[in-house]
Amino acid sequence: MPNKKSPAEPRTVRDFILRAEQRFAKAKLCFGHGTGNARDEAAWLVTSALGIPFVDLDTQAERALTEPERKIVGDLTEARIGTRKPLAYLLHEAWFAGLKFYVDERVIVPRSLIGEFIHERFRPWIDTARAHRILDLCTGSGCIAVSAALAFPQAQVDGADISGEALAVARINVEQHGLGGRVHLVQSDLFQGLGERRYDLILCNPPYVDVADMAALPAEYRHEPALALASGEQGLNAIVRILAQAAAHLNPDGALIAEVGNSCTALQQRFPDVPFVWLISASGDKSVFQLSAAQLARHAARFSTASVPSGR
């Protein structure tokens, strides 16, 4: 959509996007919950509020808004600025791996890089023909569990989370995507509630924000549940517990794929002899790793010694 100076009184879809962009930039909002800049955030707000598929934005750009539509867009714009809530919470929608999900403040807004690798069905790291049982640990909104179930139609998927409130949101998404027969939700503090279940693939986007980063979070991120973000002094509390226990819940040819964000450096420093395979995203990010069941078992004693006894 070409740039055009917005008139004093916005009239069209294009005008309202430009007006919202200008307001967002002036308010110095923080982005990162589905968009990375004021223009994209404004376009998402207006198209979602008006029910315009994003692919139709160019053809709808000159459409004039009705008075009720102007009020809806105006109110949402003011709410985004006034509350500093992520737009995903105001719209109750988020996009992950090309799919739409319901979200509210009971869960963090989906943004895991694991979604990028789900599209590729984790090839070449995973033998996709063997992935019959999948676990999404720390499932939150259920976005990874649902996306994995759709990518692996032969698989049964468990989604586990310590938060009953998060699981209520995940249940909405499982039902909306028609996966009630294949995605099963379990309340569990990591592996504690899973008994002796074993999987071919464990996917995990656990809490990994360290103390310093938690203290410096912008206002938008403070609307998300801290339980799903904070993970101790170095951001490693949850992932070390997962590493210590994962081998006991994997089949012999299984694998763990987990995201640790900018705590990846601290993790490698903690375990320099562990052969983490870092999956490289399209943007060059290296914060998602893969370890086989055999590798996890080989280093299990080391992980257990380093793990914290409880809490994330």
C-alpha atoms as a PDB file:
ATOM      1  CA  MET A   1       0.000   0.000   0.000  1.00  0.00           C
ATOM      2  CA  PRO A   2       1.678   3.279  -1.091  1.00  0.00           C
ATOM      3  CA  ASN A   3       2.270   6.044   1.430  1.00  0.00           C
ATOM      4  CA  LYS A   4      -0.187   8.925   1.424  1.00  0.00           C
ATOM      5  CA  LYS A   5      -0.565  11.770   3.854  1.00  0.00           C
ATOM      6  CA  SER A   6      -3.597  11.184   6.026  1.00  0.00           C
ATOM      7  CA  PRO A   7      -6.229  13.963   5.935  1.00  0.00           C
ATOM      8  CA  ALA A   8      -7.195  15.851   9.094  1.00  0.00           C
ATOM      9  CA  GLU A   9     -10.370  13.772   9.315  1.00  0.00           C
ATOM     10  CA  PRO A  10      -9.673  10.159   8.329  1.00  0.00           C
ATOM     11  CA  ARG A  11     -12.274   8.684   6.015  1.00  0.00           C
ATOM     12  CA  THR A  12     -10.980   5.540   4.327  1.00  0.00           C
ATOM     13  CA  VAL A  13      -9.342   2.320   5.463  1.00  0.00           C
ATOM     14  CA  ARG A  14      -6.011   3.753   4.325  1.00  0.00           C
ATOM     15  CA  ASP A  15      -6.580   6.964   6.290  1.00  0.00           C
ATOM     16  CA  PHE A  16      -7.342   5.132   9.520  1.00  0.00           C
ATOM     17  CA  ILE A  17      -4.271   2.930   9.171  1.00  0.00           C
ATOM     18  CA  LEU A  18      -2.063   5.974   8.659  1.00  0.00           C
ATOM     19  CA  ARG A  19      -3.710   7.790  11.579  1.00  0.00           C
ATOM     20  CA  ALA A  20      -3.203   4.803  13.893  1.00  0.00           C
ATOM     21  CA  GLU A  21       0.398   4.425  12.729  1.00  0.00           C
ATOM     22  CA  GLN A  22       1.104   8.064  13.546  1.00  0.00           C
ATOM     23  CA  ARG A  23      -0.539   7.765  16.975  1.00  0.00           C
ATOM     24  CA  PHE A  24       1.405   4.588  17.803  1.00  0.00           C
ATOM     25  CA  ALA A  25       4.727   6.082  16.759  1.00  0.00           C
ATOM     26  CA  LYS A  26       4.107   9.239  18.772  1.00  0.00           C
ATOM     27  CA  ALA A  27       3.133   7.177  21.848  1.00  0.00           C
ATOM     28  CA  LYS A  28       6.357   5.145  21.506  1.00  0.00           C
ATOM     29  CA  LEU A  29       4.580   1.825  21.862  1.00  0.00           C
ATOM     30  CA  CYS A  30       6.542  -1.406  22.070  1.00  0.00           C
ATOM     31  CA  PHE A  31       5.850  -4.077  19.468  1.00  0.00           C
ATOM     32  CA  GLY A  32       6.718  -7.755  19.262  1.00  0.00           C
ATOM     33  CA  HIS A  33       3.412  -9.526  19.888  1.00  0.00           C
ATOM     34  CA  GLY A  34       2.617 -10.252  16.265  1.00  0.00           C
ATOM     35  CA  THR A  35       4.103  -7.208  14.553  1.00  0.00           C
ATOM     36  CA  GLY A  36       7.417  -5.393  14.672  1.00  0.00           C
ATOM     37  CA  ASN A  37       6.524  -1.795  13.875  1.00  0.00           C
ATOM     38  CA  ALA A  38       3.795   0.841  14.061  1.00  0.00           C
ATOM     39  CA  ARG A  39       2.677   0.488  10.421  1.00  0.00           C
ATOM     40  CA  ASP A  40       2.102  -3.262  10.631  1.00  0.00           C
ATOM     41  CA  GLU A  41       0.385  -2.903  14.017  1.00  0.00           C
ATOM     42  CA  ALA A  42      -1.968  -0.263  12.621  1.00  0.00           C
ATOM     43  CA  ALA A  43      -2.778  -2.368   9.565  1.00  0.00           C
ATOM     44  CA  TRP A  44      -3.506  -5.389  11.767  1.00  0.00           C
ATOM     45  CA  LEU A  45      -5.774  -3.351  14.044  1.00  0.00           C
ATOM     46  CA  VAL A  46      -7.827  -1.837  11.244  1.00  0.00           C
ATOM     47  CA  THR A  47      -8.178  -4.948   9.082  1.00  0.00           C
ATOM     48  CA  SER A  48      -9.094  -7.153  12.032  1.00  0.00           C
ATOM     49  CA  ALA A  49     -11.556  -4.636  13.460  1.00  0.00           C
ATOM     50  CA  LEU A  50     -13.284  -4.318  10.082  1.00  0.00           C
ATOM     51  CA  GLY A  51     -13.109  -8.013   9.198  1.00  0.00           C
ATOM     52  CA  ILE A  52     -10.964  -7.392   6.127  1.00  0.00           C
ATOM     53  CA  PRO A  53      -8.687 -10.297   5.165  1.00  0.00           C
ATOM     54  CA  PHE A  54      -5.165  -8.906   5.093  1.00  0.00           C
ATOM     55  CA  VAL A  55      -4.676 -10.107   1.509  1.00  0.00           C
ATOM     56  CA  ASP A  56      -7.568  -7.828   0.491  1.00  0.00           C
ATOM     57  CA  LEU A  57      -6.107  -4.694   2.075  1.00  0.00           C
ATOM     58  CA  ASP A  58      -5.000  -3.088  -1.176  1.00  0.00           C
ATOM     59  CA  THR A  59      -8.406  -3.538  -2.825  1.00  0.00           C
ATOM     60  CA  GLN A  60     -10.205  -2.239   0.282  1.00  0.00           C
ATOM     61  CA  ALA A  61      -7.826   0.646   1.026  1.00  0.00           C
ATOM     62  CA  GLU A  62     -10.075   3.384  -0.399  1.00  0.00           C
ATOM     63  CA  ARG A  63     -13.304   2.127   1.152  1.00  0.00           C
ATOM     64  CA  ALA A  64     -14.941   4.711   3.400  1.00  0.00           C
ATOM     65  CA  LEU A  65     -15.736   3.636   6.949  1.00  0.00           C
ATOM     66  CA  THR A  66     -19.223   3.912   8.385  1.00  0.00           C
ATOM     67  CA  GLU A  67     -19.718   5.815  11.634  1.00  0.00           C
ATOM     68  CA  PRO A  68     -19.934   2.612  13.715  1.00  0.00           C
ATOM     69  CA  GLU A  69     -16.740   1.333  12.063  1.00  0.00           C
ATOM     70  CA  ARG A  70     -14.949   4.606  12.811  1.00  0.00           C
ATOM     71  CA  LYS A  71     -15.877   4.267  16.473  1.00  0.00           C
ATOM     72  CA  ILE A  72     -14.658   0.652  16.658  1.00  0.00           C
ATOM     73  CA  VAL A  73     -11.301   1.530  15.089  1.00  0.00           C
ATOM     74  CA  GLY A  74     -10.945   4.705  17.142  1.00  0.00           C
ATOM     75  CA  ASP A  75     -11.733   2.950  20.412  1.00  0.00           C
ATOM     76  CA  LEU A  76      -9.256   0.166  19.689  1.00  0.00           C
ATOM     77  CA  THR A  77      -6.543   2.663  18.789  1.00  0.00           C
ATOM     78  CA  GLU A  78      -7.080   4.555  22.030  1.00  0.00           C
ATOM     79  CA  ALA A  79      -7.154   1.328  24.046  1.00  0.00           C
ATOM     80  CA  ARG A  80      -3.866   0.171  22.537  1.00  0.00           C
ATOM     81  CA  ILE A  81      -2.219   3.454  23.522  1.00  0.00           C
ATOM     82  CA  GLY A  82      -3.937   3.970  26.861  1.00  0.00           C
ATOM     83  CA  THR A  83      -3.560   0.456  28.275  1.00  0.00           C
ATOM     84  CA  ARG A  84      -0.291  -0.580  26.590  1.00  0.00           C
ATOM     85  CA  LYS A  85      -1.843  -4.025  26.223  1.00  0.00           C
ATOM     86  CA  PRO A  86      -0.611  -6.128  23.311  1.00  0.00           C
ATOM     87  CA  LEU A  87      -3.025  -5.736  20.416  1.00  0.00           C
ATOM     88  CA  ALA A  88      -3.537  -9.506  20.415  1.00  0.00           C
ATOM     89  CA  TYR A  89      -5.299  -9.207  23.788  1.00  0.00           C
ATOM     90  CA  LEU A  90      -7.538  -6.378  22.602  1.00  0.00           C
ATOM     91  CA  LEU A  91      -8.523  -8.311  19.463  1.00  0.00           C
ATOM     92  CA  HIS A  92      -8.484 -11.724  21.171  1.00  0.00           C
ATOM     93  CA  GLU A  93      -6.554 -13.110  18.235  1.00  0.00           C
ATOM     94  CA  ALA A  94      -3.001 -14.108  17.418  1.00  0.00           C
ATOM     95  CA  TRP A  95      -1.381 -15.781  14.440  1.00  0.00           C
ATOM     96  CA  PHE A  96       1.068 -18.659  14.747  1.00  0.00           C
ATOM     97  CA  ALA A  97       2.426 -20.969  12.026  1.00  0.00           C
ATOM     98  CA  GLY A  98      -0.119 -19.439   9.651  1.00  0.00           C
ATOM     99  CA  LEU A  99      -3.049 -20.278  11.941  1.00  0.00           C
ATOM    100  CA  LYS A 100      -5.387 -18.040  13.926  1.00  0.00           C
ATOM    101  CA  PHE A 101      -5.691 -18.535  17.693  1.00  0.00           C
ATOM    102  CA  TYR A 102      -7.813 -17.095  20.484  1.00  0.00           C
ATOM    103  CA  VAL A 103      -5.758 -15.387  23.223  1.00  0.00           C
ATOM    104  CA  ASP A 104      -6.351 -13.375  26.368  1.00  0.00           C
ATOM    105  CA  GLU A 105      -4.261 -12.385  29.377  1.00  0.00           C
ATOM    106  CA  ARG A 106      -4.287 -15.915  30.799  1.00  0.00           C
ATOM    107  CA  VAL A 107      -1.571 -16.851  28.268  1.00  0.00           C
ATOM    108  CA  ILE A 108       1.410 -15.214  26.616  1.00  0.00           C
ATOM    109  CA  VAL A 109       0.893 -14.102  23.034  1.00  0.00           C
ATOM    110  CA  PRO A 110       2.163 -16.855  20.659  1.00  0.00           C
ATOM    111  CA  ARG A 111       5.469 -15.950  19.015  1.00  0.00           C
ATOM    112  CA  SER A 112       7.701 -19.013  19.373  1.00  0.00           C
ATOM    113  CA  LEU A 113      10.223 -19.648  16.598  1.00  0.00           C
ATOM    114  CA  ILE A 114       9.248 -23.303  16.836  1.00  0.00           C
ATOM    115  CA  GLY A 115       6.346 -22.395  14.569  1.00  0.00           C
ATOM    116  CA  GLU A 116       8.744 -21.779  11.713  1.00  0.00           C
ATOM    117  CA  PHE A 117      10.114 -25.313  11.986  1.00  0.00           C
ATOM    118  CA  ILE A 118       6.678 -26.904  12.316  1.00  0.00           C
ATOM    119  CA  HIS A 119       6.064 -25.819   8.711  1.00  0.00           C
ATOM    120  CA  GLU A 120       9.033 -28.002   7.713  1.00  0.00           C
ATOM    121  CA  ARG A 121       7.903 -30.806  10.054  1.00  0.00           C
ATOM    122  CA  PHE A 122      11.327 -30.443  11.705  1.00  0.00           C
ATOM    123  CA  ARG A 123      13.125 -31.997   8.756  1.00  0.00           C
ATOM    124  CA  PRO A 124      15.969 -33.004   8.561  1.00  0.00           C
ATOM    125  CA  TRP A 125      16.297 -33.290  12.349  1.00  0.00           C
ATOM    126  CA  ILE A 126      13.274 -35.542  12.883  1.00  0.00           C
ATOM    127  CA  ASP A 127      12.166 -38.739  11.148  1.00  0.00           C
ATOM    128  CA  THR A 128       8.609 -37.565  10.541  1.00  0.00           C
ATOM    129  CA  ALA A 129       7.341 -41.094   9.873  1.00  0.00           C
ATOM    130  CA  ARG A 130       8.099 -42.008  13.497  1.00  0.00           C
ATOM    131  CA  ALA A 131       6.305 -39.066  15.119  1.00  0.00           C
ATOM    132  CA  HIS A 132       3.163 -40.777  16.410  1.00  0.00           C
ATOM    133  CA  ARG A 133       3.160 -39.382  19.952  1.00  0.00           C
ATOM    134  CA  ILE A 134       3.966 -35.683  20.486  1.00  0.00           C
ATOM    135  CA  LEU A 135       4.098 -33.612  23.666  1.00  0.00           C
ATOM    136  CA  ASP A 136       3.840 -29.831  23.765  1.00  0.00           C
ATOM    137  CA  LEU A 137       5.250 -28.979  27.181  1.00  0.00           C
ATOM    138  CA  CYS A 138       4.294 -25.563  28.611  1.00  0.00           C
ATOM    139  CA  THR A 139       1.535 -25.423  26.011  1.00  0.00           C
ATOM    140  CA  GLY A 140       0.017 -22.063  27.049  1.00  0.00           C
ATOM    141  CA  SER A 141      -2.544 -21.150  24.389  1.00  0.00           C
ATOM    142  CA  GLY A 142      -2.103 -24.552  22.770  1.00  0.00           C
ATOM    143  CA  CYS A 143      -0.709 -23.004  19.582  1.00  0.00           C
ATOM    144  CA  ILE A 144       2.221 -25.421  19.276  1.00  0.00           C
ATOM    145  CA  ALA A 145       0.077 -28.451  20.131  1.00  0.00           C
ATOM    146  CA  VAL A 146      -2.571 -27.512  17.555  1.00  0.00           C
ATOM    147  CA  SER A 147      -0.018 -26.644  14.864  1.00  0.00           C
ATOM    148  CA  ALA A 148       1.873 -29.897  15.462  1.00  0.00           C
ATOM    149  CA  ALA A 149      -1.334 -31.927  15.273  1.00  0.00           C
ATOM    150  CA  LEU A 150      -2.143 -30.376  11.902  1.00  0.00           C
ATOM    151  CA  ALA A 151       1.416 -30.859  10.619  1.00  0.00           C
ATOM    152  CA  PHE A 152       1.487 -34.498  11.797  1.00  0.00           C
ATOM    153  CA  PRO A 153      -2.015 -35.800  11.038  1.00  0.00           C
ATOM    154  CA  GLN A 154      -1.033 -39.323  12.113  1.00  0.00           C
ATOM    155  CA  ALA A 155      -0.022 -38.206  15.606  1.00  0.00           C
ATOM    156  CA  GLN A 156      -1.710 -38.005  18.989  1.00  0.00           C
ATOM    157  CA  VAL A 157      -0.651 -34.820  20.795  1.00  0.00           C
ATOM    158  CA  ASP A 158      -0.607 -33.956  24.491  1.00  0.00           C
ATOM    159  CA  GLY A 159      -0.483 -30.337  25.610  1.00  0.00           C
ATOM    160  CA  ALA A 160       0.696 -29.879  29.210  1.00  0.00           C
ATOM    161  CA  ASP A 161       0.812 -26.752  31.350  1.00  0.00           C
ATOM    162  CA  ILE A 162       1.002 -25.952  35.049  1.00  0.00           C
ATOM    163  CA  SER A 163      -1.673 -23.258  34.666  1.00  0.00           C
ATOM    164  CA  GLY A 164      -5.316 -24.284  34.654  1.00  0.00           C
ATOM    165  CA  GLU A 165      -6.190 -20.851  33.266  1.00  0.00           C
ATOM    166  CA  ALA A 166      -3.833 -21.353  30.321  1.00  0.00           C
ATOM    167  CA  LEU A 167      -5.355 -24.763  29.642  1.00  0.00           C
ATOM    168  CA  ALA A 168      -8.818 -23.167  29.494  1.00  0.00           C
ATOM    169  CA  VAL A 169      -7.558 -20.969  26.649  1.00  0.00           C
ATOM    170  CA  ALA A 170      -5.838 -23.936  24.987  1.00  0.00           C
ATOM    171  CA  ARG A 171      -9.132 -25.836  25.126  1.00  0.00           C
ATOM    172  CA  ILE A 172     -10.832 -23.058  23.169  1.00  0.00           C
ATOM    173  CA  ASN A 173      -8.189 -23.328  20.446  1.00  0.00           C
ATOM    174  CA  VAL A 174      -8.258 -27.122  20.308  1.00  0.00           C
ATOM    175  CA  GLU A 175     -12.028 -27.005  19.829  1.00  0.00           C
ATOM    176  CA  GLN A 176     -11.930 -24.182  17.280  1.00  0.00           C
ATOM    177  CA  HIS A 177      -9.500 -26.185  15.151  1.00  0.00           C
ATOM    178  CA  GLY A 178     -11.589 -29.356  15.468  1.00  0.00           C
ATOM    179  CA  LEU A 179      -8.849 -31.373  17.171  1.00  0.00           C
ATOM    180  CA  GLY A 180     -10.605 -32.575  20.305  1.00  0.00           C
ATOM    181  CA  GLY A 181     -10.040 -36.184  19.264  1.00  0.00           C
ATOM    182  CA  ARG A 182      -6.271 -35.872  18.827  1.00  0.00           C
ATOM    183  CA  VAL A 183      -5.048 -33.098  21.139  1.00  0.00           C
ATOM    184  CA  HIS A 184      -5.341 -33.906  24.835  1.00  0.00           C
ATOM    185  CA  LEU A 185      -4.695 -31.277  27.514  1.00  0.00           C
ATOM    186  CA  VAL A 186      -3.112 -32.139  30.867  1.00  0.00           C
ATOM    187  CA  GLN A 187      -2.462 -29.937  33.891  1.00  0.00           C
ATOM    188  CA  SER A 188       1.107 -30.720  34.899  1.00  0.00           C
ATOM    189  CA  ASP A 189       4.137 -28.998  36.422  1.00  0.00           C
ATOM    190  CA  LEU A 190       6.455 -29.923  33.559  1.00  0.00           C
ATOM    191  CA  PHE A 191       6.505 -33.759  33.524  1.00  0.00           C
ATOM    192  CA  GLN A 192       5.075 -34.362  37.005  1.00  0.00           C
ATOM    193  CA  GLY A 193       1.496 -35.010  35.907  1.00  0.00           C
ATOM    194  CA  LEU A 194       2.361 -37.169  32.905  1.00  0.00           C
ATOM    195  CA  GLY A 195       3.086 -40.404  34.737  1.00  0.00           C
ATOM    196  CA  GLU A 196       5.048 -42.832  32.582  1.00  0.00           C
ATOM    197  CA  ARG A 197       3.914 -41.467  29.221  1.00  0.00           C
ATOM    198  CA  ARG A 198       6.561 -41.518  26.507  1.00  0.00           C
ATOM    199  CA  TYR A 199       6.741 -39.583  23.273  1.00  0.00           C
ATOM    200  CA  ASP A 200       8.477 -39.602  19.918  1.00  0.00           C
ATOM    201  CA  LEU A 201       8.803 -35.827  19.967  1.00  0.00           C
ATOM    202  CA  ILE A 202       8.712 -33.310  22.803  1.00  0.00           C
ATOM    203  CA  LEU A 203       8.269 -29.664  21.832  1.00  0.00           C
ATOM    204  CA  CYS A 204       8.736 -26.962  24.421  1.00  0.00           C
ATOM    205  CA  ASN A 205       8.723 -23.183  24.664  1.00  0.00           C
ATOM    206  CA  PRO A 206       9.266 -22.899  28.434  1.00  0.00           C
ATOM    207  CA  PRO A 207       9.760 -19.810  30.610  1.00  0.00           C
ATOM    208  CA  TYR A 208      13.295 -18.543  29.921  1.00  0.00           C
ATOM    209  CA  VAL A 209      13.482 -14.850  30.873  1.00  0.00           C
ATOM    210  CA  ASP A 210      16.189 -14.066  33.419  1.00  0.00           C
ATOM    211  CA  VAL A 211      15.906 -11.709  36.388  1.00  0.00           C
ATOM    212  CA  ALA A 212      17.550  -8.743  34.678  1.00  0.00           C
ATOM    213  CA  ASP A 213      15.364  -8.977  31.590  1.00  0.00           C
ATOM    214  CA  MET A 214      12.204  -9.406  33.675  1.00  0.00           C
ATOM    215  CA  ALA A 215      13.022  -6.170  35.496  1.00  0.00           C
ATOM    216  CA  ALA A 216      13.476  -4.346  32.186  1.00  0.00           C
ATOM    217  CA  LEU A 217      10.363  -5.608  30.378  1.00  0.00           C
ATOM    218  CA  PRO A 218       8.350  -2.932  28.513  1.00  0.00           C
ATOM    219  CA  ALA A 219       4.786  -2.289  29.681  1.00  0.00           C
ATOM    220  CA  GLU A 220       3.262  -4.487  26.950  1.00  0.00           C
ATOM    221  CA  TYR A 221       5.072  -7.574  28.227  1.00  0.00           C
ATOM    222  CA  ARG A 222       3.969  -6.924  31.802  1.00  0.00           C
ATOM    223  CA  HIS A 223       0.401  -7.752  30.789  1.00  0.00           C
ATOM    224  CA  GLU A 224       1.514 -11.337  30.106  1.00  0.00           C
ATOM    225  CA  PRO A 225       1.539 -13.926  32.934  1.00  0.00           C
ATOM    226  CA  ALA A 226       4.933 -13.829  34.643  1.00  0.00           C
ATOM    227  CA  LEU A 227       4.608 -17.573  35.292  1.00  0.00           C
ATOM    228  CA  ALA A 228       5.087 -18.155  31.565  1.00  0.00           C
ATOM    229  CA  LEU A 229       8.109 -15.847  31.297  1.00  0.00           C
ATOM    230  CA  ALA A 230      10.300 -15.777  34.422  1.00  0.00           C
ATOM    231  CA  SER A 231      12.762 -18.607  34.999  1.00  0.00           C
ATOM    232  CA  GLY A 232      15.274 -17.626  37.667  1.00  0.00           C
ATOM    233  CA  GLU A 233      18.520 -15.711  37.816  1.00  0.00           C
ATOM    234  CA  GLN A 234      19.856 -16.887  34.428  1.00  0.00           C
ATOM    235  CA  GLY A 235      16.570 -17.871  32.808  1.00  0.00           C
ATOM    236  CA  LEU A 236      17.494 -21.553  33.055  1.00  0.00           C
ATOM    237  CA  ASN A 237      15.404 -22.937  35.919  1.00  0.00           C
ATOM    238  CA  ALA A 238      12.698 -24.497  33.741  1.00  0.00           C
ATOM    239  CA  ILE A 239      14.862 -25.755  30.901  1.00  0.00           C
ATOM    240  CA  VAL A 240      17.383 -27.441  33.217  1.00  0.00           C
ATOM    241  CA  ARG A 241      14.555 -29.348  34.897  1.00  0.00           C
ATOM    242  CA  ILE A 242      13.248 -30.330  31.468  1.00  0.00           C
ATOM    243  CA  LEU A 243      16.665 -31.546  30.335  1.00  0.00           C
ATOM    244  CA  ALA A 244      17.023 -33.635  33.498  1.00  0.00           C
ATOM    245  CA  GLN A 245      13.673 -35.379  33.031  1.00  0.00           C
ATOM    246  CA  ALA A 246      13.063 -35.522  29.270  1.00  0.00           C
ATOM    247  CA  ALA A 247      14.889 -38.789  28.561  1.00  0.00           C
ATOM    248  CA  ALA A 248      12.481 -40.655  30.842  1.00  0.00           C
ATOM    249  CA  HIS A 249       9.577 -39.469  28.676  1.00  0.00           C
ATOM    250  CA  LEU A 250      11.041 -40.122  25.229  1.00  0.00           C
ATOM    251  CA  ASN A 251      10.973 -43.268  23.143  1.00  0.00           C
ATOM    252  CA  PRO A 252      14.453 -44.568  22.173  1.00  0.00           C
ATOM    253  CA  ASP A 253      14.447 -42.762  18.801  1.00  0.00           C
ATOM    254  CA  GLY A 254      12.719 -39.664  20.158  1.00  0.00           C
ATOM    255  CA  ALA A 255      13.932 -36.085  20.428  1.00  0.00           C
ATOM    256  CA  LEU A 256      13.433 -32.877  22.383  1.00  0.00           C
ATOM    257  CA  ILE A 257      13.105 -29.548  20.555  1.00  0.00           C
ATOM    258  CA  ALA A 258      13.011 -26.504  22.819  1.00  0.00           C
ATOM    259  CA  GLU A 259      13.307 -22.732  22.592  1.00  0.00           C
ATOM    260  CA  VAL A 260      15.338 -20.768  25.149  1.00  0.00           C
ATOM    261  CA  GLY A 261      15.513 -17.268  23.677  1.00  0.00           C
ATOM    262  CA  ASN A 262      18.481 -15.165  24.694  1.00  0.00           C
ATOM    263  CA  SER A 263      19.213 -17.590  27.537  1.00  0.00           C
ATOM    264  CA  CYS A 264      20.856 -19.814  24.905  1.00  0.00           C
ATOM    265  CA  THR A 265      24.300 -18.401  25.745  1.00  0.00           C
ATOM    266  CA  ALA A 266      23.879 -19.107  29.461  1.00  0.00           C
ATOM    267  CA  LEU A 267      22.669 -22.632  28.650  1.00  0.00           C
ATOM    268  CA  GLN A 268      25.714 -23.425  26.518  1.00  0.00           C
ATOM    269  CA  GLN A 269      28.005 -22.009  29.176  1.00  0.00           C
ATOM    270  CA  ARG A 270      26.307 -24.150  31.839  1.00  0.00           C
ATOM    271  CA  PHE A 271      26.693 -27.324  29.734  1.00  0.00           C
ATOM    272  CA  PRO A 272      29.672 -26.820  27.378  1.00  0.00           C
ATOM    273  CA  ASP A 273      30.045 -30.549  26.727  1.00  0.00           C
ATOM    274  CA  VAL A 274      26.416 -31.101  25.614  1.00  0.00           C
ATOM    275  CA  PRO A 275      26.094 -31.284  21.796  1.00  0.00           C
ATOM    276  CA  PHE A 276      23.108 -28.959  21.358  1.00  0.00           C
ATOM    277  CA  VAL A 277      22.030 -28.743  17.722  1.00  0.00           C
ATOM    278  CA  TRP A 278      20.836 -25.180  17.170  1.00  0.00           C
ATOM    279  CA  LEU A 279      18.147 -24.808  14.521  1.00  0.00           C
ATOM    280  CA  ILE A 280      18.668 -21.675  12.434  1.00  0.00           C
ATOM    281  CA  SER A 281      15.569 -19.639  11.641  1.00  0.00           C
ATOM    282  CA  ALA A 282      15.020 -17.669   8.436  1.00  0.00           C
ATOM    283  CA  SER A 283      16.220 -14.552  10.260  1.00  0.00           C
ATOM    284  CA  GLY A 284      19.390 -16.308  11.466  1.00  0.00           C
ATOM    285  CA  ASP A 285      18.185 -16.750  15.046  1.00  0.00           C
ATOM    286  CA  LYS A 286      19.725 -19.671  16.960  1.00  0.00           C
ATOM    287  CA  SER A 287      17.622 -20.050  20.096  1.00  0.00           C
ATOM    288  CA  VAL A 288      15.854 -23.353  19.337  1.00  0.00           C
ATOM    289  CA  PHE A 289      17.815 -26.527  20.009  1.00  0.00           C
ATOM    290  CA  GLN A 290      17.399 -30.240  19.398  1.00  0.00           C
ATOM    291  CA  LEU A 291      18.730 -33.142  21.458  1.00  0.00           C
ATOM    292  CA  SER A 292      18.063 -36.827  20.879  1.00  0.00           C
ATOM    293  CA  ALA A 293      16.794 -39.191  23.556  1.00  0.00           C
ATOM    294  CA  ALA A 294      20.195 -40.876  23.607  1.00  0.00           C
ATOM    295  CA  GLN A 295      22.016 -37.575  24.137  1.00  0.00           C
ATOM    296  CA  LEU A 296      19.642 -36.578  26.924  1.00  0.00           C
ATOM    297  CA  ALA A 297      20.132 -39.927  28.638  1.00  0.00           C
ATOM    298  CA  ARG A 298      23.897 -39.666  28.299  1.00  0.00           C
ATOM    299  CA  HIS A 299      23.954 -36.322  30.109  1.00  0.00           C
ATOM    300  CA  ALA A 300      21.028 -36.959  32.461  1.00  0.00           C
ATOM    301  CA  ALA A 301      23.199 -37.141  35.594  1.00  0.00           C
ATOM    302  CA  ARG A 302      24.789 -33.799  34.774  1.00  0.00           C
ATOM    303  CA  PHE A 303      21.405 -32.190  34.150  1.00  0.00           C
ATOM    304  CA  SER A 304      19.977 -33.631  37.375  1.00  0.00           C
ATOM    305  CA  THR A 305      22.877 -32.276  39.428  1.00  0.00           C
ATOM    306  CA  ALA A 306      22.378 -28.810  37.938  1.00  0.00           C
ATOM    307  CA  SER A 307      18.588 -28.703  38.163  1.00  0.00           C
ATOM    308  CA  VAL A 308      16.722 -26.676  40.750  1.00  0.00           C
ATOM    309  CA  PRO A 309      14.379 -28.621  43.048  1.00  0.00           C
ATOM    310  CA  SER A 310      11.138 -26.820  42.285  1.00  0.00           C
ATOM    311  CA  GLY A 311       9.542 -23.770  40.679  1.00  0.00           C
ATOM    312  CA  ARG A 312      10.273 -22.137  37.367  1.00  0.00           C
END
